[in-house]
Amino acid sequence: MERDHFRSEEKNRRGITQESDMGGMKFWRSVSLYGVLPVITLMSVNLALHMQEQHKCGHARKTRPEFVPYEYLRIRNKRFPFGDGTRTLFHNPEINALPGGYEDEM
């Protein structure tokens, strides 16, 4: 209760009335409705068209990198508590390598 009273006193001391305070709210509401939302819409359409173009050209699927058995990568000090213990929870066999290499190359 004291905070609300303090804020109203502070606004009155600065000469801010409720009507002038509403002007700022109207400004930012109009900026977000007429500025930000159209930009988000245009960027979404641009992204969708770009993805369609990539899919038609065959660039959507990239080749995976060659497996190199670096000793500091894919360290398993403790088995995962699910599955066989070597695959992560969101394991993708086409992209994620196991400590011995990709599954289809093993």
N, C-alpha and C. Protein backbone atom coordinates (compact mmCIF):
# COMPACT_ATOMS: atom_id res chain seq x y z
N MET A 1 0.83 -1.18 0.00
CA MET A 1 0.00 0.00 0.00
C MET A 1 0.88 1.25 0.00
N GLU A 2 1.96 1.22 0.79
CA GLU A 2 2.84 2.38 0.86
C GLU A 2 3.56 2.60 -0.46
N ARG A 3 3.90 1.52 -1.16
CA ARG A 3 4.60 1.67 -2.44
C ARG A 3 3.71 2.37 -3.46
N ASP A 4 2.44 1.98 -3.54
CA ASP A 4 1.53 2.62 -4.48
C ASP A 4 1.40 4.10 -4.16
N HIS A 5 1.31 4.43 -2.88
CA HIS A 5 1.20 5.82 -2.46
C HIS A 5 2.48 6.59 -2.83
N PHE A 6 3.63 5.95 -2.63
CA PHE A 6 4.91 6.58 -2.98
C PHE A 6 4.99 6.83 -4.48
N ARG A 7 4.57 5.85 -5.28
CA ARG A 7 4.61 6.02 -6.73
C ARG A 7 3.71 7.13 -7.19
N SER A 8 2.51 7.21 -6.65
CA SER A 8 1.61 8.28 -7.06
C SER A 8 2.15 9.64 -6.64
N GLU A 9 2.75 9.74 -5.46
CA GLU A 9 3.36 11.00 -5.03
C GLU A 9 4.53 11.38 -5.93
N GLU A 10 5.33 10.39 -6.31
CA GLU A 10 6.48 10.64 -7.18
C GLU A 10 6.01 11.13 -8.55
N LYS A 11 4.98 10.51 -9.09
CA LYS A 11 4.45 10.93 -10.39
C LYS A 11 3.86 12.33 -10.30
N ASN A 12 3.16 12.63 -9.22
CA ASN A 12 2.59 13.97 -9.07
C ASN A 12 3.69 15.01 -8.94
N ARG A 13 4.76 14.70 -8.24
CA ARG A 13 5.85 15.64 -8.06
C ARG A 13 6.55 15.92 -9.39
N ARG A 14 6.63 14.91 -10.25
CA ARG A 14 7.25 15.10 -11.56
C ARG A 14 6.29 15.76 -12.55
N GLY A 15 5.05 15.86 -12.20
CA GLY A 15 4.09 16.47 -13.11
C GLY A 15 3.50 15.48 -14.09
N ILE A 16 3.58 14.20 -13.77
CA ILE A 16 3.04 13.16 -14.64
C ILE A 16 1.61 12.90 -14.20
N THR A 17 0.71 13.05 -15.12
CA THR A 17 -0.68 12.75 -14.82
C THR A 17 -1.03 11.41 -15.45
N GLN A 18 -2.18 10.90 -15.12
CA GLN A 18 -2.60 9.62 -15.66
C GLN A 18 -2.80 9.71 -17.17
N GLU A 19 -3.26 10.86 -17.65
CA GLU A 19 -3.48 11.02 -19.08
C GLU A 19 -2.16 11.01 -19.85
N SER A 20 -1.14 11.69 -19.32
CA SER A 20 0.14 11.70 -20.02
C SER A 20 0.84 10.35 -19.89
N ASP A 21 0.57 9.63 -18.82
CA ASP A 21 1.15 8.30 -18.64
C ASP A 21 0.56 7.33 -19.64
N MET A 22 -0.70 7.51 -20.02
CA MET A 22 -1.37 6.64 -21.00
C MET A 22 -0.80 6.85 -22.40
N GLY A 23 -0.23 8.02 -22.66
CA GLY A 23 0.34 8.29 -23.98
C GLY A 23 1.50 7.36 -24.28
N GLY A 24 2.32 7.09 -23.30
CA GLY A 24 3.43 6.17 -23.50
C GLY A 24 2.96 4.75 -23.75
N MET A 25 1.91 4.35 -23.06
CA MET A 25 1.38 3.01 -23.27
C MET A 25 0.81 2.88 -24.67
N LYS A 26 0.09 3.90 -25.12
CA LYS A 26 -0.48 3.86 -26.47
C LYS A 26 0.62 3.82 -27.53
N PHE A 27 1.70 4.57 -27.28
CA PHE A 27 2.81 4.58 -28.23
C PHE A 27 3.43 3.18 -28.37
N TRP A 28 3.75 2.53 -27.25
CA TRP A 28 4.41 1.24 -27.31
C TRP A 28 3.47 0.15 -27.80
N ARG A 29 2.18 0.28 -27.53
CA ARG A 29 1.22 -0.68 -28.07
C ARG A 29 1.16 -0.55 -29.59
N SER A 30 1.13 0.68 -30.09
CA SER A 30 1.07 0.86 -31.54
C SER A 30 2.38 0.43 -32.20
N VAL A 31 3.52 0.67 -31.56
CA VAL A 31 4.80 0.22 -32.11
C VAL A 31 4.82 -1.29 -32.21
N SER A 32 4.34 -1.97 -31.17
CA SER A 32 4.37 -3.43 -31.20
C SER A 32 3.36 -4.00 -32.19
N LEU A 33 2.20 -3.38 -32.32
CA LEU A 33 1.19 -3.91 -33.24
C LEU A 33 1.52 -3.59 -34.70
N TYR A 34 1.95 -2.36 -34.97
CA TYR A 34 2.17 -1.94 -36.35
C TYR A 34 3.62 -2.00 -36.79
N GLY A 35 4.52 -2.28 -35.90
CA GLY A 35 5.92 -2.36 -36.25
C GLY A 35 6.50 -3.74 -36.09
N VAL A 36 6.37 -4.30 -34.90
CA VAL A 36 7.03 -5.57 -34.59
C VAL A 36 6.30 -6.76 -35.23
N LEU A 37 4.99 -6.80 -35.11
CA LEU A 37 4.24 -7.94 -35.66
C LEU A 37 4.40 -8.07 -37.17
N PRO A 38 4.33 -6.99 -37.96
CA PRO A 38 4.58 -7.15 -39.40
C PRO A 38 6.00 -7.63 -39.72
N VAL A 39 6.96 -7.17 -38.94
CA VAL A 39 8.34 -7.62 -39.18
C VAL A 39 8.46 -9.11 -38.90
N ILE A 40 7.86 -9.58 -37.81
CA ILE A 40 7.89 -11.01 -37.50
C ILE A 40 7.20 -11.81 -38.58
N THR A 41 6.07 -11.31 -39.08
CA THR A 41 5.35 -12.00 -40.15
C THR A 41 6.19 -12.07 -41.42
N LEU A 42 6.79 -10.96 -41.82
CA LEU A 42 7.62 -10.95 -43.02
C LEU A 42 8.82 -11.87 -42.89
N MET A 43 9.46 -11.88 -41.73
CA MET A 43 10.61 -12.76 -41.54
C MET A 43 10.19 -14.23 -41.56
N SER A 44 9.01 -14.55 -41.04
CA SER A 44 8.52 -15.92 -41.07
C SER A 44 8.26 -16.37 -42.50
N VAL A 45 7.65 -15.50 -43.31
CA VAL A 45 7.41 -15.83 -44.71
C VAL A 45 8.73 -15.99 -45.45
N ASN A 46 9.69 -15.11 -45.18
CA ASN A 46 11.00 -15.20 -45.81
C ASN A 46 11.68 -16.52 -45.46
N LEU A 47 11.62 -16.92 -44.20
CA LEU A 47 12.23 -18.17 -43.78
C LEU A 47 11.56 -19.36 -44.45
N ALA A 48 10.22 -19.35 -44.52
CA ALA A 48 9.50 -20.45 -45.14
C ALA A 48 9.86 -20.58 -46.62
N LEU A 49 9.94 -19.46 -47.33
CA LEU A 49 10.32 -19.50 -48.75
C LEU A 49 11.75 -19.98 -48.93
N HIS A 50 12.63 -19.54 -48.05
CA HIS A 50 14.03 -19.97 -48.13
C HIS A 50 14.16 -21.48 -47.88
N MET A 51 13.40 -21.99 -46.91
CA MET A 51 13.45 -23.43 -46.62
C MET A 51 12.89 -24.24 -47.79
N GLN A 52 11.82 -23.74 -48.44
CA GLN A 52 11.27 -24.44 -49.60
C GLN A 52 12.29 -24.48 -50.73
N GLU A 53 12.99 -23.38 -50.94
CA GLU A 53 13.99 -23.33 -52.00
C GLU A 53 15.13 -24.30 -51.72
N GLN A 54 15.58 -24.37 -50.47
CA GLN A 54 16.64 -25.30 -50.12
C GLN A 54 16.18 -26.74 -50.29
N HIS A 55 14.94 -27.00 -49.93
CA HIS A 55 14.44 -28.37 -50.04
C HIS A 55 14.35 -28.80 -51.50
N LYS A 56 13.98 -27.90 -52.39
CA LYS A 56 13.90 -28.23 -53.82
C LYS A 56 15.28 -28.49 -54.40
N CYS A 57 16.28 -27.74 -53.95
CA CYS A 57 17.63 -27.89 -54.49
C CYS A 57 18.38 -29.07 -53.87
N GLY A 58 17.86 -29.62 -52.79
CA GLY A 58 18.53 -30.73 -52.14
C GLY A 58 19.57 -30.31 -51.12
N HIS A 59 19.59 -29.03 -50.74
CA HIS A 59 20.56 -28.55 -49.77
C HIS A 59 20.08 -28.71 -48.34
N ALA A 60 18.85 -29.15 -48.16
CA ALA A 60 18.30 -29.22 -46.81
C ALA A 60 19.04 -30.25 -45.96
N ARG A 61 19.48 -31.34 -46.55
CA ARG A 61 20.16 -32.38 -45.78
C ARG A 61 21.65 -32.28 -46.03
N LYS A 62 22.39 -31.98 -45.00
CA LYS A 62 23.83 -31.87 -45.12
C LYS A 62 24.47 -33.21 -44.81
N THR A 63 25.62 -33.42 -45.37
CA THR A 63 26.33 -34.66 -45.08
C THR A 63 26.98 -34.54 -43.71
N ARG A 64 27.03 -35.63 -43.02
CA ARG A 64 27.61 -35.59 -41.68
C ARG A 64 29.12 -35.60 -41.77
N PRO A 65 29.80 -35.07 -40.79
CA PRO A 65 31.26 -35.04 -40.83
C PRO A 65 31.84 -36.45 -40.64
N GLU A 66 33.02 -36.63 -41.16
CA GLU A 66 33.70 -37.91 -41.01
C GLU A 66 34.03 -38.14 -39.54
N PHE A 67 33.88 -39.36 -39.08
CA PHE A 67 34.16 -39.67 -37.68
C PHE A 67 35.66 -39.70 -37.45
N VAL A 68 36.10 -38.93 -36.47
CA VAL A 68 37.50 -38.92 -36.05
C VAL A 68 37.51 -39.28 -34.57
N PRO A 69 38.17 -40.36 -34.16
CA PRO A 69 38.13 -40.80 -32.76
C PRO A 69 39.03 -39.99 -31.84
N TYR A 70 38.68 -38.73 -31.63
CA TYR A 70 39.44 -37.92 -30.68
C TYR A 70 39.22 -38.49 -29.28
N GLU A 71 40.28 -38.55 -28.49
CA GLU A 71 40.17 -39.18 -27.17
C GLU A 71 39.44 -38.30 -26.16
N TYR A 72 39.31 -37.02 -26.42
CA TYR A 72 38.64 -36.14 -25.47
C TYR A 72 37.15 -35.93 -25.78
N LEU A 73 36.66 -36.52 -26.86
CA LEU A 73 35.24 -36.43 -27.19
C LEU A 73 34.53 -37.74 -26.86
N ARG A 74 33.23 -37.67 -26.62
CA ARG A 74 32.37 -38.83 -26.38
C ARG A 74 32.91 -39.69 -25.22
N ILE A 75 33.33 -39.05 -24.15
CA ILE A 75 33.82 -39.76 -22.96
C ILE A 75 32.61 -40.24 -22.17
N ARG A 76 32.57 -41.51 -21.82
CA ARG A 76 31.48 -42.07 -21.03
C ARG A 76 32.06 -42.60 -19.72
N ASN A 77 32.04 -41.78 -18.68
CA ASN A 77 32.52 -42.22 -17.37
C ASN A 77 31.45 -43.03 -16.64
N LYS A 78 30.21 -42.77 -16.97
CA LYS A 78 29.09 -43.44 -16.33
C LYS A 78 28.06 -43.73 -17.41
N ARG A 79 27.46 -44.91 -17.36
CA ARG A 79 26.47 -45.28 -18.37
C ARG A 79 25.21 -44.45 -18.18
N PHE A 80 24.52 -44.16 -19.28
CA PHE A 80 23.24 -43.46 -19.20
C PHE A 80 22.21 -44.39 -18.56
N PRO A 81 21.27 -43.86 -17.78
CA PRO A 81 20.31 -44.71 -17.07
C PRO A 81 19.16 -45.23 -17.94
N PHE A 82 19.24 -45.05 -19.23
CA PHE A 82 18.16 -45.51 -20.12
C PHE A 82 18.78 -46.21 -21.32
N GLY A 83 18.00 -47.05 -21.96
CA GLY A 83 18.48 -47.78 -23.13
C GLY A 83 19.65 -48.68 -22.81
N ASP A 84 20.59 -48.74 -23.75
CA ASP A 84 21.77 -49.59 -23.53
C ASP A 84 22.88 -48.86 -22.79
N GLY A 85 22.71 -47.58 -22.48
CA GLY A 85 23.68 -46.84 -21.69
C GLY A 85 24.70 -46.08 -22.49
N THR A 86 24.78 -46.29 -23.80
CA THR A 86 25.76 -45.57 -24.61
C THR A 86 25.12 -44.45 -25.41
N ARG A 87 23.83 -44.51 -25.64
CA ARG A 87 23.14 -43.49 -26.41
C ARG A 87 22.49 -42.46 -25.49
N THR A 88 22.53 -41.21 -25.90
CA THR A 88 21.89 -40.16 -25.12
C THR A 88 20.38 -40.29 -25.26
N LEU A 89 19.65 -39.51 -24.49
CA LEU A 89 18.20 -39.58 -24.50
C LEU A 89 17.63 -39.19 -25.86
N PHE A 90 18.21 -38.21 -26.52
CA PHE A 90 17.74 -37.75 -27.82
C PHE A 90 18.74 -38.15 -28.91
N HIS A 91 19.16 -39.38 -28.90
CA HIS A 91 20.16 -39.87 -29.85
C HIS A 91 19.58 -39.96 -31.25
N ASN A 92 20.29 -39.44 -32.23
CA ASN A 92 19.92 -39.54 -33.63
C ASN A 92 21.02 -40.32 -34.33
N PRO A 93 20.76 -41.55 -34.77
CA PRO A 93 21.83 -42.38 -35.34
C PRO A 93 22.41 -41.83 -36.63
N GLU A 94 21.70 -40.93 -37.32
CA GLU A 94 22.22 -40.36 -38.56
C GLU A 94 23.22 -39.25 -38.30
N ILE A 95 23.13 -38.59 -37.15
CA ILE A 95 23.99 -37.44 -36.89
C ILE A 95 24.94 -37.67 -35.73
N ASN A 96 24.45 -38.28 -34.64
CA ASN A 96 25.25 -38.44 -33.44
C ASN A 96 26.09 -39.71 -33.49
N ALA A 97 27.37 -39.56 -33.21
CA ALA A 97 28.27 -40.70 -33.20
C ALA A 97 28.36 -41.28 -31.80
N LEU A 98 28.58 -42.57 -31.74
CA LEU A 98 28.87 -43.25 -30.48
C LEU A 98 30.37 -43.22 -30.25
N PRO A 99 30.85 -43.63 -29.09
CA PRO A 99 32.30 -43.61 -28.86
C PRO A 99 33.11 -44.39 -29.90
N GLY A 100 32.53 -45.41 -30.53
CA GLY A 100 33.25 -46.20 -31.52
C GLY A 100 33.03 -45.75 -32.95
N GLY A 101 32.14 -44.82 -33.19
CA GLY A 101 31.86 -44.35 -34.54
C GLY A 101 30.35 -44.30 -34.77
N TYR A 102 29.98 -44.00 -36.02
CA TYR A 102 28.56 -43.97 -36.37
C TYR A 102 28.01 -45.39 -36.38
N GLU A 103 26.74 -45.54 -36.06
CA GLU A 103 26.13 -46.86 -35.92
C GLU A 103 26.14 -47.63 -37.23
N ASP A 104 25.89 -46.99 -38.35
CA ASP A 104 25.82 -47.73 -39.62
C ASP A 104 27.21 -48.06 -40.17
N GLU A 105 28.27 -47.48 -39.61
CA GLU A 105 29.63 -47.76 -40.05
C GLU A 105 30.31 -48.79 -39.16
N MET A 106 29.71 -49.14 -38.05
CA MET A 106 30.34 -50.06 -37.09
C MET A 106 30.14 -51.49 -37.52
